Amino acid sequence: MKRFFSGNLKPETINLKLRSRGFALIELMLVVIIVGMLATVVLDRMLYYQERAEKAVMDATLAAIKMGLQVRLAELIITNRQAAVAQLERDNPMLWLDEPPSTYRGEYRSPAETGNWYFAADARQLVYVPNKTSYLQWNQADSRELRFQVRLRYDDIETVAGKVRAPTGIAIVPAQPYRWF
């Protein structure tokens, strides 16, 4: 201690210098609170983007199914098998994909695990059970599934024999309204 008291340094000055080397308890609490708030914001954004990604994958799967159905409809029309077109509304639409998605679990009568697709054979509906549902709004509070049906579009077409009602398009539409984002 002799070295500290030599020269112009007084004991009070030495005491202040020693205290300023560490954190006070209040400073530590503020740092912990700020880090906690930042972690909460980052976690919330991460969950938001995970749900957005899940919706994007679901939409991409629906687009692939629609494309498969359109190819099948065109094939039936070109080969003059319009009588078989109505069957597309009853068949499992996953049949028309080259390879079903890895989250497809087949035909079920009960719900699959979250994040998976299944075909409800009794209702003739393709069902997706979402994993994240924070930004998903259903009109049915008791259901936690998104259900889709295949619908044909018909138009009246002029032919030599007169007007004929013929299939001109196909879509996969929600069976129950929902809003996701």
N, C-alpha and C. Protein backbone atom coordinates (compact mmCIF):
# COMPACT_ATOMS: atom_id res chain seq x y z
N MET A 1 0.80 -1.19 0.00
CA MET A 1 0.00 0.00 0.00
C MET A 1 0.85 1.25 0.00
N LYS A 2 2.08 1.11 0.32
CA LYS A 2 2.93 2.27 0.41
C LYS A 2 3.05 2.96 -0.95
N ARG A 3 3.11 2.21 -1.95
CA ARG A 3 3.26 2.75 -3.27
C ARG A 3 2.06 3.61 -3.66
N PHE A 4 0.82 3.28 -3.22
CA PHE A 4 -0.37 4.07 -3.55
C PHE A 4 -0.38 5.41 -2.84
N PHE A 5 0.17 5.47 -1.67
CA PHE A 5 0.12 6.72 -0.92
C PHE A 5 1.29 7.64 -1.22
N SER A 6 2.21 7.17 -2.03
CA SER A 6 3.32 8.05 -2.37
C SER A 6 2.88 9.02 -3.45
N GLY A 7 3.32 10.18 -3.42
CA GLY A 7 2.97 11.19 -4.41
C GLY A 7 1.74 11.96 -4.00
N ASN A 8 0.94 12.36 -4.99
CA ASN A 8 -0.21 13.24 -4.74
C ASN A 8 -1.51 12.49 -4.53
N LEU A 9 -1.54 11.17 -4.61
CA LEU A 9 -2.79 10.42 -4.47
C LEU A 9 -3.25 10.37 -3.03
N LYS A 10 -4.51 10.67 -2.85
CA LYS A 10 -5.12 10.59 -1.53
C LYS A 10 -5.89 9.27 -1.43
N PRO A 11 -6.15 8.75 -0.25
CA PRO A 11 -6.88 7.47 -0.10
C PRO A 11 -8.26 7.50 -0.73
N GLU A 12 -8.98 8.62 -0.72
CA GLU A 12 -10.32 8.70 -1.32
C GLU A 12 -10.26 8.49 -2.82
N THR A 13 -9.25 9.01 -3.48
CA THR A 13 -9.08 8.87 -4.92
C THR A 13 -8.80 7.43 -5.28
N ILE A 14 -8.01 6.76 -4.49
CA ILE A 14 -7.68 5.36 -4.73
C ILE A 14 -8.94 4.51 -4.60
N ASN A 15 -9.76 4.79 -3.62
CA ASN A 15 -10.99 4.05 -3.38
C ASN A 15 -11.96 4.20 -4.56
N LEU A 16 -12.09 5.38 -5.15
CA LEU A 16 -12.95 5.60 -6.31
C LEU A 16 -12.44 4.85 -7.54
N LYS A 17 -11.13 4.85 -7.74
CA LYS A 17 -10.56 4.15 -8.88
C LYS A 17 -10.78 2.64 -8.76
N LEU A 18 -10.67 2.09 -7.57
CA LEU A 18 -10.91 0.66 -7.39
C LEU A 18 -12.36 0.30 -7.62
N ARG A 19 -13.31 1.12 -7.24
CA ARG A 19 -14.73 0.87 -7.41
C ARG A 19 -15.15 0.92 -8.87
N SER A 20 -14.57 1.74 -9.68
CA SER A 20 -15.00 1.91 -11.06
C SER A 20 -14.55 0.78 -11.97
N ARG A 21 -13.84 -0.18 -11.48
CA ARG A 21 -13.38 -1.29 -12.29
C ARG A 21 -14.45 -2.34 -12.55
N GLY A 22 -15.50 -2.48 -11.79
CA GLY A 22 -16.50 -3.52 -11.94
C GLY A 22 -17.87 -2.96 -12.24
N PHE A 23 -18.88 -3.88 -12.41
CA PHE A 23 -20.25 -3.49 -12.64
C PHE A 23 -20.97 -3.31 -11.32
N ALA A 24 -21.84 -2.35 -11.30
CA ALA A 24 -22.74 -2.23 -10.15
C ALA A 24 -23.91 -3.17 -10.40
N LEU A 25 -24.62 -3.55 -9.39
CA LEU A 25 -25.74 -4.47 -9.51
C LEU A 25 -26.82 -3.90 -10.44
N ILE A 26 -27.09 -2.64 -10.38
CA ILE A 26 -28.12 -2.03 -11.23
C ILE A 26 -27.71 -2.07 -12.70
N GLU A 27 -26.42 -1.88 -12.97
CA GLU A 27 -25.94 -1.96 -14.36
C GLU A 27 -26.10 -3.37 -14.90
N LEU A 28 -25.78 -4.35 -14.09
CA LEU A 28 -25.92 -5.75 -14.49
C LEU A 28 -27.39 -6.08 -14.76
N MET A 29 -28.28 -5.60 -13.92
CA MET A 29 -29.71 -5.85 -14.12
C MET A 29 -30.19 -5.21 -15.42
N LEU A 30 -29.74 -4.01 -15.72
CA LEU A 30 -30.14 -3.36 -16.97
C LEU A 30 -29.65 -4.14 -18.18
N VAL A 31 -28.42 -4.62 -18.14
CA VAL A 31 -27.89 -5.41 -19.25
C VAL A 31 -28.70 -6.69 -19.42
N VAL A 32 -29.03 -7.36 -18.33
CA VAL A 32 -29.83 -8.59 -18.41
C VAL A 32 -31.21 -8.30 -18.99
N ILE A 33 -31.84 -7.21 -18.60
CA ILE A 33 -33.17 -6.85 -19.10
C ILE A 33 -33.11 -6.55 -20.60
N ILE A 34 -32.11 -5.80 -21.03
CA ILE A 34 -31.98 -5.46 -22.44
C ILE A 34 -31.72 -6.71 -23.29
N VAL A 35 -30.83 -7.57 -22.82
CA VAL A 35 -30.56 -8.81 -23.55
C VAL A 35 -31.82 -9.69 -23.60
N GLY A 36 -32.57 -9.74 -22.53
CA GLY A 36 -33.82 -10.51 -22.51
C GLY A 36 -34.84 -9.97 -23.49
N MET A 37 -34.97 -8.65 -23.56
CA MET A 37 -35.91 -8.05 -24.50
C MET A 37 -35.49 -8.32 -25.95
N LEU A 38 -34.21 -8.21 -26.23
CA LEU A 38 -33.72 -8.50 -27.58
C LEU A 38 -33.95 -9.97 -27.94
N ALA A 39 -33.72 -10.85 -27.00
CA ALA A 39 -33.94 -12.29 -27.24
C ALA A 39 -35.42 -12.56 -27.51
N THR A 40 -36.31 -11.87 -26.81
CA THR A 40 -37.75 -12.04 -27.03
C THR A 40 -38.14 -11.60 -28.42
N VAL A 41 -37.63 -10.46 -28.86
CA VAL A 41 -37.95 -9.96 -30.21
C VAL A 41 -37.41 -10.92 -31.27
N VAL A 42 -36.19 -11.40 -31.10
CA VAL A 42 -35.60 -12.32 -32.07
C VAL A 42 -36.39 -13.63 -32.11
N LEU A 43 -36.78 -14.15 -30.97
CA LEU A 43 -37.56 -15.39 -30.92
C LEU A 43 -38.91 -15.20 -31.59
N ASP A 44 -39.58 -14.08 -31.33
CA ASP A 44 -40.87 -13.81 -31.95
C ASP A 44 -40.74 -13.75 -33.47
N ARG A 45 -39.73 -13.07 -33.97
CA ARG A 45 -39.51 -12.97 -35.43
C ARG A 45 -39.18 -14.34 -36.01
N MET A 46 -38.41 -15.14 -35.29
CA MET A 46 -38.05 -16.46 -35.78
C MET A 46 -39.30 -17.34 -35.91
N LEU A 47 -40.19 -17.31 -34.91
CA LEU A 47 -41.43 -18.08 -34.97
C LEU A 47 -42.33 -17.58 -36.10
N TYR A 48 -42.36 -16.26 -36.30
CA TYR A 48 -43.14 -15.66 -37.39
C TYR A 48 -42.65 -16.19 -38.73
N TYR A 49 -41.35 -16.16 -38.96
CA TYR A 49 -40.81 -16.61 -40.23
C TYR A 49 -40.92 -18.12 -40.41
N GLN A 50 -40.90 -18.88 -39.34
CA GLN A 50 -41.14 -20.32 -39.44
C GLN A 50 -42.56 -20.59 -39.93
N GLU A 51 -43.51 -19.83 -39.40
CA GLU A 51 -44.90 -20.02 -39.83
C GLU A 51 -45.09 -19.56 -41.28
N ARG A 52 -44.42 -18.47 -41.66
CA ARG A 52 -44.49 -18.01 -43.05
C ARG A 52 -43.91 -19.08 -43.99
N ALA A 53 -42.83 -19.70 -43.57
CA ALA A 53 -42.21 -20.76 -44.38
C ALA A 53 -43.14 -21.96 -44.50
N GLU A 54 -43.82 -22.32 -43.41
CA GLU A 54 -44.76 -23.43 -43.45
C GLU A 54 -45.89 -23.14 -44.43
N LYS A 55 -46.40 -21.93 -44.41
CA LYS A 55 -47.46 -21.54 -45.35
C LYS A 55 -46.95 -21.58 -46.78
N ALA A 56 -45.73 -21.12 -47.01
CA ALA A 56 -45.16 -21.14 -48.35
C ALA A 56 -45.02 -22.57 -48.88
N VAL A 57 -44.61 -23.49 -48.02
CA VAL A 57 -44.49 -24.89 -48.43
C VAL A 57 -45.87 -25.47 -48.74
N MET A 58 -46.88 -25.13 -47.91
CA MET A 58 -48.23 -25.61 -48.16
C MET A 58 -48.74 -25.07 -49.50
N ASP A 59 -48.53 -23.77 -49.77
CA ASP A 59 -48.97 -23.17 -51.03
C ASP A 59 -48.26 -23.80 -52.22
N ALA A 60 -46.97 -24.09 -52.08
CA ALA A 60 -46.23 -24.74 -53.17
C ALA A 60 -46.76 -26.14 -53.44
N THR A 61 -47.11 -26.86 -52.38
CA THR A 61 -47.69 -28.20 -52.54
C THR A 61 -49.03 -28.12 -53.25
N LEU A 62 -49.86 -27.15 -52.86
CA LEU A 62 -51.15 -26.97 -53.53
C LEU A 62 -50.97 -26.61 -55.00
N ALA A 63 -49.97 -25.78 -55.31
CA ALA A 63 -49.71 -25.42 -56.70
C ALA A 63 -49.27 -26.64 -57.51
N ALA A 64 -48.46 -27.50 -56.93
CA ALA A 64 -48.03 -28.71 -57.61
C ALA A 64 -49.21 -29.66 -57.85
N ILE A 65 -50.09 -29.75 -56.87
CA ILE A 65 -51.27 -30.61 -57.01
C ILE A 65 -52.17 -30.05 -58.11
N LYS A 66 -52.35 -28.75 -58.12
CA LYS A 66 -53.19 -28.13 -59.15
C LYS A 66 -52.60 -28.38 -60.54
N MET A 67 -51.30 -28.27 -60.67
CA MET A 67 -50.65 -28.53 -61.96
C MET A 67 -50.86 -29.98 -62.38
N GLY A 68 -50.73 -30.92 -61.44
CA GLY A 68 -50.97 -32.32 -61.75
C GLY A 68 -52.39 -32.57 -62.20
N LEU A 69 -53.34 -31.90 -61.53
CA LEU A 69 -54.75 -32.05 -61.92
C LEU A 69 -55.01 -31.45 -63.30
N GLN A 70 -54.38 -30.32 -63.60
CA GLN A 70 -54.57 -29.70 -64.91
C GLN A 70 -54.00 -30.58 -66.03
N VAL A 71 -52.87 -31.20 -65.77
CA VAL A 71 -52.29 -32.11 -66.76
C VAL A 71 -53.20 -33.30 -66.98
N ARG A 72 -53.73 -33.84 -65.91
CA ARG A 72 -54.64 -34.99 -66.03
C ARG A 72 -55.93 -34.60 -66.76
N LEU A 73 -56.48 -33.43 -66.46
CA LEU A 73 -57.68 -32.95 -67.15
C LEU A 73 -57.40 -32.79 -68.64
N ALA A 74 -56.28 -32.17 -68.97
CA ALA A 74 -55.92 -32.00 -70.38
C ALA A 74 -55.77 -33.35 -71.09
N GLU A 75 -55.16 -34.30 -70.40
CA GLU A 75 -55.00 -35.64 -70.97
C GLU A 75 -56.35 -36.28 -71.26
N LEU A 76 -57.29 -36.15 -70.32
CA LEU A 76 -58.61 -36.73 -70.52
C LEU A 76 -59.37 -36.04 -71.65
N ILE A 77 -59.25 -34.73 -71.76
CA ILE A 77 -59.95 -34.01 -72.81
C ILE A 77 -59.35 -34.33 -74.18
N ILE A 78 -58.02 -34.35 -74.25
CA ILE A 78 -57.36 -34.63 -75.53
C ILE A 78 -57.67 -36.03 -76.03
N THR A 79 -57.76 -37.00 -75.13
CA THR A 79 -58.05 -38.38 -75.53
C THR A 79 -59.54 -38.65 -75.61
N ASN A 80 -60.34 -37.57 -75.55
CA ASN A 80 -61.79 -37.65 -75.69
C ASN A 80 -62.44 -38.58 -74.65
N ARG A 81 -61.99 -38.44 -73.40
CA ARG A 81 -62.57 -39.22 -72.30
C ARG A 81 -63.19 -38.27 -71.27
N GLN A 82 -64.04 -37.36 -71.72
CA GLN A 82 -64.67 -36.39 -70.84
C GLN A 82 -65.56 -37.05 -69.78
N ALA A 83 -66.03 -38.25 -70.03
CA ALA A 83 -66.86 -38.95 -69.04
C ALA A 83 -66.07 -39.26 -67.77
N ALA A 84 -64.77 -39.42 -67.90
CA ALA A 84 -63.92 -39.74 -66.74
C ALA A 84 -63.50 -38.50 -65.97
N VAL A 85 -63.80 -37.32 -66.50
CA VAL A 85 -63.37 -36.07 -65.88
C VAL A 85 -64.02 -35.88 -64.50
N ALA A 86 -65.28 -36.21 -64.37
CA ALA A 86 -66.00 -36.02 -63.10
C ALA A 86 -65.36 -36.81 -61.96
N GLN A 87 -64.68 -37.90 -62.30
CA GLN A 87 -64.02 -38.72 -61.28
C GLN A 87 -62.89 -37.96 -60.60
N LEU A 88 -62.33 -36.95 -61.27
CA LEU A 88 -61.23 -36.17 -60.67
C LEU A 88 -61.65 -35.48 -59.38
N GLU A 89 -62.93 -35.13 -59.27
CA GLU A 89 -63.41 -34.48 -58.04
C GLU A 89 -63.50 -35.46 -56.87
N ARG A 90 -63.54 -36.75 -57.17
CA ARG A 90 -63.68 -37.75 -56.11
C ARG A 90 -62.36 -38.45 -55.77
N ASP A 91 -61.43 -38.45 -56.72
CA ASP A 91 -60.15 -39.15 -56.51
C ASP A 91 -59.22 -38.35 -55.59
N ASN A 92 -58.26 -39.06 -55.06
CA ASN A 92 -57.21 -38.44 -54.26
C ASN A 92 -56.31 -37.63 -55.20
N PRO A 93 -56.22 -36.30 -55.02
CA PRO A 93 -55.41 -35.50 -55.96
C PRO A 93 -53.91 -35.78 -55.87
N MET A 94 -53.46 -36.41 -54.81
CA MET A 94 -52.04 -36.76 -54.71
C MET A 94 -51.65 -37.82 -55.74
N LEU A 95 -52.65 -38.51 -56.31
CA LEU A 95 -52.37 -39.53 -57.32
C LEU A 95 -51.76 -38.94 -58.58
N TRP A 96 -52.00 -37.68 -58.81
CA TRP A 96 -51.57 -37.06 -60.07
C TRP A 96 -50.22 -36.36 -59.94
N LEU A 97 -49.55 -36.55 -58.85
CA LEU A 97 -48.19 -36.04 -58.69
C LEU A 97 -47.20 -37.15 -59.02
N ASP A 98 -46.07 -36.78 -59.62
CA ASP A 98 -45.03 -37.79 -59.87
C ASP A 98 -44.59 -38.44 -58.57
N GLU A 99 -44.40 -37.58 -57.57
CA GLU A 99 -43.97 -38.05 -56.25
C GLU A 99 -44.68 -37.21 -55.20
N PRO A 100 -45.45 -37.84 -54.31
CA PRO A 100 -46.12 -37.04 -53.28
C PRO A 100 -45.11 -36.41 -52.33
N PRO A 101 -45.48 -35.30 -51.68
CA PRO A 101 -44.55 -34.68 -50.74
C PRO A 101 -44.20 -35.62 -49.59
N SER A 102 -43.06 -35.38 -48.99
CA SER A 102 -42.61 -36.26 -47.90
C SER A 102 -43.52 -36.16 -46.68
N THR A 103 -44.33 -35.12 -46.62
CA THR A 103 -45.25 -34.95 -45.49
C THR A 103 -46.62 -35.55 -45.76
N TYR A 104 -46.78 -36.27 -46.86
CA TYR A 104 -48.06 -36.92 -47.17
C TYR A 104 -48.13 -38.26 -46.47
N ARG A 105 -49.20 -38.48 -45.71
CA ARG A 105 -49.33 -39.69 -44.90
C ARG A 105 -50.36 -40.68 -45.43
N GLY A 106 -50.92 -40.44 -46.61
CA GLY A 106 -51.85 -41.40 -47.21
C GLY A 106 -53.30 -41.07 -46.91
N GLU A 107 -54.14 -42.09 -47.06
CA GLU A 107 -55.57 -41.91 -46.83
C GLU A 107 -55.88 -42.28 -45.38
N TYR A 108 -56.55 -41.35 -44.69
CA TYR A 108 -56.91 -41.55 -43.28
C TYR A 108 -58.38 -41.20 -43.07
N ARG A 109 -58.87 -41.68 -42.00
CA ARG A 109 -60.20 -41.24 -41.55
C ARG A 109 -60.06 -40.35 -40.31
N SER A 110 -58.85 -40.27 -39.78
CA SER A 110 -58.60 -39.41 -38.62
C SER A 110 -57.40 -38.52 -38.92
N PRO A 111 -57.24 -37.44 -38.17
CA PRO A 111 -56.16 -36.49 -38.47
C PRO A 111 -54.77 -37.09 -38.31
N ALA A 112 -53.88 -36.60 -39.15
CA ALA A 112 -52.47 -36.97 -39.05
C ALA A 112 -51.78 -36.03 -38.07
N GLU A 113 -50.50 -36.27 -37.85
CA GLU A 113 -49.73 -35.39 -36.97
C GLU A 113 -49.62 -34.01 -37.62
N THR A 114 -49.30 -33.01 -36.81
CA THR A 114 -49.17 -31.66 -37.34
C THR A 114 -48.03 -31.58 -38.35
N GLY A 115 -48.23 -30.71 -39.33
CA GLY A 115 -47.24 -30.53 -40.38
C GLY A 115 -47.35 -31.54 -41.50
N ASN A 116 -48.44 -32.32 -41.54
CA ASN A 116 -48.60 -33.38 -42.53
C ASN A 116 -49.90 -33.24 -43.32
N TRP A 117 -49.91 -33.87 -44.49
CA TRP A 117 -51.08 -33.96 -45.35
C TRP A 117 -51.69 -35.35 -45.21
N TYR A 118 -52.99 -35.45 -45.44
CA TYR A 118 -53.64 -36.74 -45.61
C TYR A 118 -54.88 -36.55 -46.46
N PHE A 119 -55.38 -37.64 -47.02
CA PHE A 119 -56.60 -37.58 -47.81
C PHE A 119 -57.72 -38.20 -47.00
N ALA A 120 -58.75 -37.41 -46.71
CA ALA A 120 -59.92 -37.90 -45.98
C ALA A 120 -60.85 -38.54 -47.01
N ALA A 121 -60.79 -39.87 -47.09
CA ALA A 121 -61.52 -40.60 -48.12
C ALA A 121 -63.03 -40.45 -47.98
N ASP A 122 -63.52 -40.39 -46.75
CA ASP A 122 -64.97 -40.28 -46.55
C ASP A 122 -65.51 -38.93 -47.05
N ALA A 123 -64.79 -37.86 -46.85
CA ALA A 123 -65.24 -36.52 -47.28
C ALA A 123 -64.68 -36.15 -48.64
N ARG A 124 -63.79 -36.96 -49.18
CA ARG A 124 -63.14 -36.66 -50.46
C ARG A 124 -62.44 -35.31 -50.44
N GLN A 125 -61.66 -35.10 -49.36
CA GLN A 125 -60.96 -33.84 -49.17
C GLN A 125 -59.49 -34.11 -48.85
N LEU A 126 -58.65 -33.23 -49.39
CA LEU A 126 -57.24 -33.25 -49.05
C LEU A 126 -57.07 -32.35 -47.83
N VAL A 127 -56.39 -32.84 -46.81
CA VAL A 127 -56.32 -32.14 -45.53
C VAL A 127 -54.86 -31.86 -45.17
N TYR A 128 -54.62 -30.63 -44.71
CA TYR A 128 -53.31 -30.27 -44.17
C TYR A 128 -53.50 -29.90 -42.71
N VAL A 129 -52.67 -30.47 -41.84
CA VAL A 129 -52.72 -30.17 -40.41
C VAL A 129 -51.53 -29.27 -40.10
N PRO A 130 -51.78 -27.96 -39.93
CA PRO A 130 -50.65 -27.04 -39.75
C PRO A 130 -49.93 -27.25 -38.42
N ASN A 131 -48.65 -26.97 -38.47
CA ASN A 131 -47.80 -27.09 -37.29
C ASN A 131 -47.89 -25.83 -36.43
N LYS A 132 -47.75 -24.68 -37.07
CA LYS A 132 -47.81 -23.39 -36.38
C LYS A 132 -49.10 -22.70 -36.79
N THR A 133 -49.81 -22.15 -35.80
CA THR A 133 -51.12 -21.56 -36.10
C THR A 133 -51.31 -20.19 -35.45
N SER A 134 -50.25 -19.50 -35.13
CA SER A 134 -50.38 -18.21 -34.46
C SER A 134 -51.06 -17.17 -35.34
N TYR A 135 -50.84 -17.23 -36.66
CA TYR A 135 -51.38 -16.24 -37.59
C TYR A 135 -52.47 -16.83 -38.48
N LEU A 136 -53.00 -17.97 -38.09
CA LEU A 136 -54.03 -18.66 -38.87
C LEU A 136 -55.38 -18.45 -38.21
N GLN A 137 -56.36 -18.04 -39.01
CA GLN A 137 -57.72 -17.81 -38.49
C GLN A 137 -58.69 -18.73 -39.23
N TRP A 138 -59.42 -19.51 -38.47
CA TRP A 138 -60.45 -20.39 -39.01
C TRP A 138 -61.80 -19.82 -38.69
N ASN A 139 -62.79 -20.19 -39.50
CA ASN A 139 -64.17 -19.86 -39.15
C ASN A 139 -64.74 -20.94 -38.22
N GLN A 140 -64.14 -22.11 -38.24
CA GLN A 140 -64.54 -23.19 -37.35
C GLN A 140 -63.55 -23.28 -36.21
N ALA A 141 -64.00 -23.00 -35.01
CA ALA A 141 -63.09 -22.97 -33.86
C ALA A 141 -62.64 -24.37 -33.43
N ASP A 142 -63.45 -25.39 -33.67
CA ASP A 142 -63.11 -26.73 -33.18
C ASP A 142 -62.15 -27.48 -34.10
N SER A 143 -61.99 -27.04 -35.33
CA SER A 143 -61.13 -27.74 -36.28
C SER A 143 -59.74 -27.13 -36.30
N ARG A 144 -58.74 -27.96 -36.43
CA ARG A 144 -57.36 -27.49 -36.55
C ARG A 144 -56.74 -28.04 -37.83
N GLU A 145 -57.56 -28.12 -38.88
CA GLU A 145 -57.12 -28.64 -40.15
C GLU A 145 -57.54 -27.69 -41.27
N LEU A 146 -56.76 -27.70 -42.33
CA LEU A 146 -57.13 -26.97 -43.54
C LEU A 146 -57.56 -28.01 -44.56
N ARG A 147 -58.80 -27.90 -45.01
CA ARG A 147 -59.35 -28.90 -45.93
C ARG A 147 -59.54 -28.29 -47.31
N PHE A 148 -59.21 -29.09 -48.34
CA PHE A 148 -59.29 -28.64 -49.72
C PHE A 148 -60.04 -29.67 -50.55
N GLN A 149 -60.79 -29.16 -51.55
CA GLN A 149 -61.55 -30.02 -52.46
C GLN A 149 -61.19 -29.68 -53.89
N VAL A 150 -61.27 -30.67 -54.73
CA VAL A 150 -61.06 -30.47 -56.16
C VAL A 150 -62.40 -30.06 -56.77
N ARG A 151 -62.38 -29.00 -57.57
CA ARG A 151 -63.58 -28.50 -58.23
C ARG A 151 -63.31 -28.33 -59.72
N LEU A 152 -64.22 -28.86 -60.51
CA LEU A 152 -64.15 -28.68 -61.96
C LEU A 152 -64.90 -27.41 -62.35
N ARG A 153 -64.42 -26.77 -63.40
CA ARG A 153 -65.10 -25.59 -63.94
C ARG A 153 -65.66 -25.98 -65.31
N TYR A 154 -66.93 -25.70 -65.49
CA TYR A 154 -67.60 -26.02 -66.75
C TYR A 154 -68.00 -24.74 -67.45
N ASP A 155 -67.94 -24.78 -68.78
CA ASP A 155 -68.40 -23.67 -69.60
C ASP A 155 -69.27 -24.23 -70.72
N ASP A 156 -70.15 -23.37 -71.22
CA ASP A 156 -70.95 -23.74 -72.40
C ASP A 156 -70.11 -23.47 -73.64
N ILE A 157 -69.96 -24.48 -74.47
CA ILE A 157 -69.14 -24.38 -75.68
C ILE A 157 -70.03 -24.61 -76.89
N GLU A 158 -69.89 -23.74 -77.88
CA GLU A 158 -70.62 -23.88 -79.13
C GLU A 158 -69.98 -24.98 -79.98
N THR A 159 -70.77 -25.93 -80.39
CA THR A 159 -70.31 -26.97 -81.30
C THR A 159 -71.26 -27.02 -82.49
N VAL A 160 -70.96 -27.89 -83.42
CA VAL A 160 -71.83 -28.07 -84.58
C VAL A 160 -73.20 -28.56 -84.13
N ALA A 161 -73.22 -29.39 -83.11
CA ALA A 161 -74.47 -29.95 -82.61
C ALA A 161 -75.22 -28.98 -81.70
N GLY A 162 -74.62 -27.84 -81.36
CA GLY A 162 -75.26 -26.88 -80.47
C GLY A 162 -74.37 -26.63 -79.26
N LYS A 163 -74.97 -26.01 -78.25
CA LYS A 163 -74.21 -25.72 -77.02
C LYS A 163 -74.03 -26.98 -76.20
N VAL A 164 -72.80 -27.14 -75.74
CA VAL A 164 -72.47 -28.30 -74.91
C VAL A 164 -71.78 -27.78 -73.65
N ARG A 165 -72.18 -28.33 -72.52
CA ARG A 165 -71.51 -27.98 -71.26
C ARG A 165 -70.32 -28.90 -71.11
N ALA A 166 -69.10 -28.30 -71.12
CA ALA A 166 -67.88 -29.11 -71.10
C ALA A 166 -66.93 -28.60 -70.02
N PRO A 167 -66.14 -29.52 -69.45
CA PRO A 167 -65.15 -29.09 -68.46
C PRO A 167 -64.04 -28.29 -69.14
N THR A 168 -63.73 -27.13 -68.56
CA THR A 168 -62.69 -26.28 -69.14
C THR A 168 -61.58 -25.94 -68.15
N GLY A 169 -61.73 -26.32 -66.92
CA GLY A 169 -60.70 -26.02 -65.94
C GLY A 169 -60.89 -26.83 -64.68
N ILE A 170 -59.88 -26.78 -63.84
CA ILE A 170 -59.93 -27.51 -62.58
C ILE A 170 -59.15 -26.70 -61.54
N ALA A 171 -59.59 -26.78 -60.33
CA ALA A 171 -58.93 -26.04 -59.24
C ALA A 171 -59.02 -26.86 -57.96
N ILE A 172 -58.15 -26.52 -57.04
CA ILE A 172 -58.24 -27.09 -55.69
C ILE A 172 -58.51 -25.92 -54.77
N VAL A 173 -59.66 -25.96 -54.10
CA VAL A 173 -60.14 -24.82 -53.32
C VAL A 173 -60.35 -25.21 -51.87
N PRO A 174 -60.27 -24.25 -50.95
CA PRO A 174 -60.53 -24.56 -49.54
C PRO A 174 -61.98 -25.01 -49.34
N ALA A 175 -62.16 -26.06 -48.57
CA ALA A 175 -63.51 -26.53 -48.24
C ALA A 175 -64.13 -25.63 -47.18
N GLN A 176 -63.32 -25.06 -46.32
CA GLN A 176 -63.77 -24.13 -45.29
C GLN A 176 -62.90 -22.89 -45.40
N PRO A 177 -63.50 -21.72 -45.26
CA PRO A 177 -62.68 -20.50 -45.37
C PRO A 177 -61.68 -20.38 -44.22
N TYR A 178 -60.54 -19.82 -44.54
CA TYR A 178 -59.51 -19.56 -43.55
C TYR A 178 -58.71 -18.35 -44.02
N ARG A 179 -57.96 -17.80 -43.10
CA ARG A 179 -57.07 -16.69 -43.43
C ARG A 179 -55.75 -16.91 -42.71
N TRP A 180 -54.69 -16.99 -43.50
CA TRP A 180 -53.36 -17.22 -42.93
C TRP A 180 -52.48 -16.07 -43.35
N PHE A 181 -52.23 -15.18 -42.46
CA PHE A 181 -51.47 -13.96 -42.64
C PHE A 181 -52.27 -12.95 -43.36
